Amino acid sequence: MLKIQNLHAYYGKSHVLHGVDFEVRSGEIVALLGRNGSGRSTTAKAIMGLVDCEGSVRWKDQEIVGRKAYEVAHLGLGYVPESRDIFPTLTVHQNLLLGQKGAGKGSRWGFDDMYAMFPRLKERQHTEAGVLSGGEQQMLTLCRTLMGDPDLIIIDEPTEGLAPKIVELVAEYLQKLKARGISVLLIEQKLTIAMSISDRALVMGHGSIVFDGTPQQLKADPAVRKEWLEV
């Protein structure tokens, strides 16, 4: 579905990604793990056309390196950035409406679906997004992305700064997305959450993939965890 080969990315003269290779298959949740600065967020931005890169990013057998971010989104790739990037002066409902504008006819998601998934957003639908709590903003960003009807979502640190109950809620809904046929590339620091819901785990270090296997295989490999994950 999504296949990355020999991906290199740059910030100016800084070489950040060094030949990244991995794939996300249809119906999978794949966790992309690693310490801060390992290249995980840059990988997401490279896939979405937000940073300069070289190599191959194939989406449904179509090469997308060099495409603009809006073109990538229209092809069915959704992106939930760590920064959330809501429109703070627009209401919850207006933010969702903007997400819907990228979807074609026959979208799997509508306002009723979003409000059923996150009832708190329905209660706050006429509230400016800038006054929402961190957890509510995370829900809104995820829902706004879903309104574009993606087949795969790249979600960057969705549990950062959230209360434990909200973290559990986010994990639950990522599993529900998988049940509805949406693949997920999950960039996450909380290993317990990532390992519990993922089909496969990737570990990044110094801009490269240093491990690709199942969560069970990663749990059984203390050397990889110590070298690349433990702080």
Protein backbone atom coordinates (compact mmCIF):
# COMPACT_ATOMS: atom_id res chain seq x y z
CA MET A 1 0.00 0.00 0.00
CA LEU A 2 2.70 2.48 1.13
CA LYS A 3 6.26 1.53 0.26
CA ILE A 4 9.31 3.61 1.14
CA GLN A 5 12.65 2.81 -0.49
CA ASN A 6 16.05 4.46 -0.04
CA LEU A 7 14.49 7.66 1.27
CA HIS A 8 16.83 10.55 2.02
CA ALA A 9 15.65 13.90 3.38
CA TYR A 10 17.32 17.23 4.00
CA TYR A 11 16.83 20.41 5.99
CA GLY A 12 18.99 22.84 4.05
CA LYS A 13 22.43 21.24 4.01
CA SER A 14 21.61 18.88 6.89
CA HIS A 15 21.16 15.27 5.77
CA VAL A 16 18.45 13.93 8.11
CA LEU A 17 17.17 10.65 6.62
CA HIS A 18 19.68 8.09 5.37
CA GLY A 19 18.13 5.49 3.07
CA VAL A 20 14.90 4.71 4.94
CA ASP A 21 13.12 1.53 3.81
CA PHE A 22 9.79 0.16 5.06
CA GLU A 23 6.21 -0.46 4.03
CA VAL A 24 2.73 -0.22 5.50
CA ARG A 25 0.32 -2.83 4.21
CA SER A 26 -3.42 -2.51 3.86
CA GLY A 27 -5.26 -2.78 7.18
CA GLU A 28 -2.16 -2.50 9.37
CA ILE A 29 -1.25 -0.34 12.32
CA VAL A 30 2.52 0.16 12.13
CA ALA A 31 4.33 1.89 14.99
CA LEU A 32 7.34 4.06 14.11
CA LEU A 33 9.41 4.24 17.29
CA GLY A 34 12.64 5.93 18.30
CA ARG A 35 14.12 8.66 20.43
CA ASN A 36 13.54 12.33 19.76
CA GLY A 37 15.69 13.41 16.84
CA SER A 38 15.83 9.95 15.27
CA GLY A 39 14.01 11.09 12.12
CA ARG A 40 10.46 9.87 12.68
CA SER A 41 8.66 13.18 12.17
CA THR A 42 10.89 13.99 9.20
CA THR A 43 9.88 10.67 7.66
CA ALA A 44 6.22 11.63 7.98
CA LYS A 45 6.85 15.04 6.43
CA ALA A 46 8.86 13.51 3.58
CA ILE A 47 6.02 11.12 2.76
CA MET A 48 3.57 14.03 2.71
CA GLY A 49 5.75 16.23 0.50
CA LEU A 50 6.59 18.74 3.23
CA VAL A 51 10.40 18.45 3.12
CA ASP A 52 12.97 18.02 0.35
CA CYS A 53 13.71 14.35 -0.21
CA GLU A 54 15.18 11.82 -2.62
CA GLY A 55 14.36 8.16 -3.12
CA SER A 56 11.03 6.46 -3.60
CA VAL A 57 7.66 6.83 -1.87
CA ARG A 58 5.08 4.68 -3.60
CA TRP A 59 1.42 4.93 -2.65
CA LYS A 60 -0.83 2.31 -4.23
CA ASP A 61 1.90 1.65 -6.82
CA GLN A 62 2.13 5.34 -7.71
CA GLU A 63 5.32 7.34 -7.15
CA ILE A 64 4.58 10.45 -5.08
CA VAL A 65 8.02 11.94 -4.38
CA GLY A 66 8.00 15.48 -5.72
CA ARG A 67 4.26 15.99 -5.35
CA LYS A 68 2.80 18.85 -3.33
CA ALA A 69 1.26 18.09 0.05
CA TYR A 70 -2.28 18.84 -1.12
CA GLU A 71 -1.81 16.44 -4.05
CA VAL A 72 -0.65 13.70 -1.70
CA ALA A 73 -3.67 14.30 0.53
CA HIS A 74 -6.04 14.08 -2.43
CA LEU A 75 -4.59 10.65 -3.23
CA GLY A 76 -5.85 9.33 0.11
CA LEU A 77 -3.00 9.92 2.57
CA GLY A 78 -3.97 11.70 5.78
CA TYR A 79 -1.56 13.44 8.16
CA VAL A 80 -2.12 14.36 11.79
CA PRO A 81 0.93 16.45 12.82
CA GLU A 82 2.28 16.61 16.35
CA SER A 83 1.56 20.35 16.37
CA ARG A 84 -2.14 19.60 15.63
CA ASP A 85 -2.44 22.74 13.48
CA ILE A 86 -6.09 23.49 14.11
CA PHE A 87 -7.64 26.78 13.02
CA PRO A 88 -8.04 28.38 16.47
CA THR A 89 -10.51 31.14 15.54
CA LEU A 90 -12.84 28.76 13.69
CA THR A 91 -15.38 26.60 15.45
CA VAL A 92 -15.06 22.85 15.81
CA HIS A 93 -17.68 22.38 13.10
CA GLN A 94 -15.90 24.77 10.73
CA ASN A 95 -12.60 22.94 11.25
CA LEU A 96 -14.28 19.67 10.31
CA LEU A 97 -15.87 21.29 7.27
CA LEU A 98 -12.43 22.33 5.99
CA GLY A 99 -11.27 18.73 6.29
CA GLN A 100 -14.27 17.54 4.30
CA LYS A 101 -13.37 19.73 1.32
CA GLY A 102 -10.60 17.32 0.34
CA ALA A 103 -12.92 14.30 0.16
CA GLY A 104 -14.56 13.05 -2.99
CA LYS A 105 -18.08 11.78 -3.39
CA GLY A 106 -18.99 8.71 -1.37
CA SER A 107 -16.81 9.59 1.62
CA ARG A 108 -16.94 7.08 4.48
CA TRP A 109 -17.06 9.85 7.06
CA GLY A 110 -19.44 12.67 7.85
CA PHE A 111 -20.23 14.98 10.75
CA ASP A 112 -22.49 12.40 12.39
CA ASP A 113 -19.66 9.85 12.34
CA MET A 114 -17.24 12.28 13.97
CA TYR A 115 -19.68 13.34 16.65
CA ALA A 116 -20.62 9.73 17.35
CA MET A 117 -16.94 8.83 17.69
CA PHE A 118 -16.16 11.79 19.94
CA PRO A 119 -19.35 13.03 21.65
CA ARG A 120 -17.36 15.77 23.36
CA LEU A 121 -16.78 17.40 19.97
CA LYS A 122 -20.52 17.45 19.34
CA GLU A 123 -21.00 19.29 22.61
CA ARG A 124 -18.33 21.78 21.57
CA GLN A 125 -19.17 22.03 17.86
CA HIS A 126 -19.95 25.77 18.03
CA THR A 127 -16.91 26.55 20.22
CA GLU A 128 -13.77 28.14 18.81
CA ALA A 129 -11.11 25.45 18.49
CA GLY A 130 -8.47 27.58 20.18
CA VAL A 131 -10.14 27.26 23.59
CA LEU A 132 -10.40 23.46 23.52
CA SER A 133 -8.32 21.33 25.86
CA GLY A 134 -5.28 19.49 24.50
CA GLY A 135 -7.22 16.24 24.34
CA GLU A 136 -10.13 17.88 22.54
CA GLN A 137 -7.77 19.50 20.03
CA GLN A 138 -6.18 16.10 19.36
CA MET A 139 -9.62 14.59 18.74
CA LEU A 140 -10.49 17.48 16.43
CA THR A 141 -7.30 17.13 14.40
CA LEU A 142 -7.85 13.40 13.95
CA CYS A 143 -11.49 13.93 12.95
CA ARG A 144 -10.62 16.74 10.55
CA THR A 145 -8.16 14.41 8.83
CA LEU A 146 -10.74 11.62 8.64
CA MET A 147 -13.21 13.99 6.98
CA GLY A 148 -10.86 13.96 3.97
CA ASP A 149 -11.58 10.20 3.66
CA PRO A 150 -7.98 8.88 3.72
CA ASP A 151 -7.07 5.22 3.28
CA LEU A 152 -3.98 5.64 5.46
CA ILE A 153 -3.32 8.06 8.29
CA ILE A 154 0.11 9.14 9.49
CA ILE A 155 -0.34 10.33 13.06
CA ASP A 156 2.54 11.97 14.92
CA GLU A 157 2.71 11.71 18.72
CA PRO A 158 -1.07 11.65 19.27
CA THR A 159 -0.79 11.05 23.03
CA GLU A 160 1.78 13.78 23.78
CA GLY A 161 0.71 15.78 26.83
CA LEU A 162 -2.62 14.00 27.23
CA ALA A 163 -4.15 12.58 30.40
CA PRO A 164 -4.01 8.77 30.76
CA LYS A 165 -7.75 8.36 30.13
CA ILE A 166 -7.51 10.36 26.89
CA VAL A 167 -4.47 8.31 25.84
CA GLU A 168 -6.54 5.15 26.22
CA LEU A 169 -9.34 6.75 24.21
CA VAL A 170 -6.99 7.65 21.36
CA ALA A 171 -5.63 4.08 21.28
CA GLU A 172 -9.15 2.69 21.23
CA TYR A 173 -10.15 4.83 18.28
CA LEU A 174 -7.04 4.02 16.28
CA GLN A 175 -8.07 0.38 16.57
CA LYS A 176 -11.56 1.31 15.40
CA LEU A 177 -10.06 2.99 12.34
CA LYS A 178 -8.24 -0.23 11.51
CA ALA A 179 -11.52 -2.12 11.85
CA ARG A 180 -13.00 0.23 9.25
CA GLY A 181 -10.21 -0.53 6.79
CA ILE A 182 -7.91 2.44 7.42
CA SER A 183 -4.18 1.78 7.77
CA VAL A 184 -2.23 3.74 10.39
CA LEU A 185 1.42 4.77 10.62
CA LEU A 186 1.73 5.70 14.29
CA ILE A 187 4.66 7.79 15.50
CA GLU A 188 4.64 7.38 19.26
CA GLN A 189 6.88 7.73 22.31
CA LYS A 190 4.74 5.69 24.71
CA LEU A 191 5.94 2.16 24.00
CA THR A 192 3.21 0.45 26.02
CA ILE A 193 0.43 2.02 23.95
CA ALA A 194 2.23 1.64 20.62
CA MET A 195 3.12 -2.01 21.20
CA SER A 196 -0.35 -2.94 22.42
CA ILE A 197 -2.22 -1.80 19.30
CA SER A 198 0.33 -2.26 16.49
CA ASP A 199 0.71 -5.13 14.06
CA ARG A 200 4.34 -4.26 13.36
CA ALA A 201 6.98 -2.07 14.96
CA LEU A 202 9.71 -0.07 13.24
CA VAL A 203 12.56 1.49 15.20
CA MET A 204 14.50 4.47 13.86
CA GLY A 205 17.97 5.58 14.84
CA HIS A 206 20.13 8.29 13.28
CA GLY A 207 17.79 8.64 10.32
CA SER A 208 17.59 4.94 9.40
CA ILE A 209 15.38 1.96 10.19
CA VAL A 210 17.28 -0.26 12.64
CA PHE A 211 14.50 -2.75 13.43
CA ASP A 212 11.44 -4.01 11.54
CA GLY A 213 9.36 -6.75 13.12
CA THR A 214 6.40 -7.57 15.31
CA PRO A 215 5.88 -6.04 18.76
CA GLN A 216 6.54 -9.50 20.20
CA GLN A 217 9.90 -9.67 18.42
CA LEU A 218 10.82 -6.23 19.71
CA LYS A 219 9.89 -7.18 23.26
CA ALA A 220 12.16 -10.21 22.91
CA ASP A 221 15.13 -8.09 21.75
CA PRO A 222 16.50 -6.18 24.75
CA ALA A 223 19.60 -5.10 22.82
CA VAL A 224 17.54 -3.09 20.31
CA ARG A 225 15.43 -1.55 23.06
CA LYS A 226 18.48 -0.56 25.10
CA GLU A 227 20.43 0.83 22.12
CA TRP A 228 17.65 2.74 20.36
CA LEU A 229 14.67 3.27 22.68
CA GLU A 230 15.63 3.54 26.32
CA VAL A 231 16.44 7.02 27.62
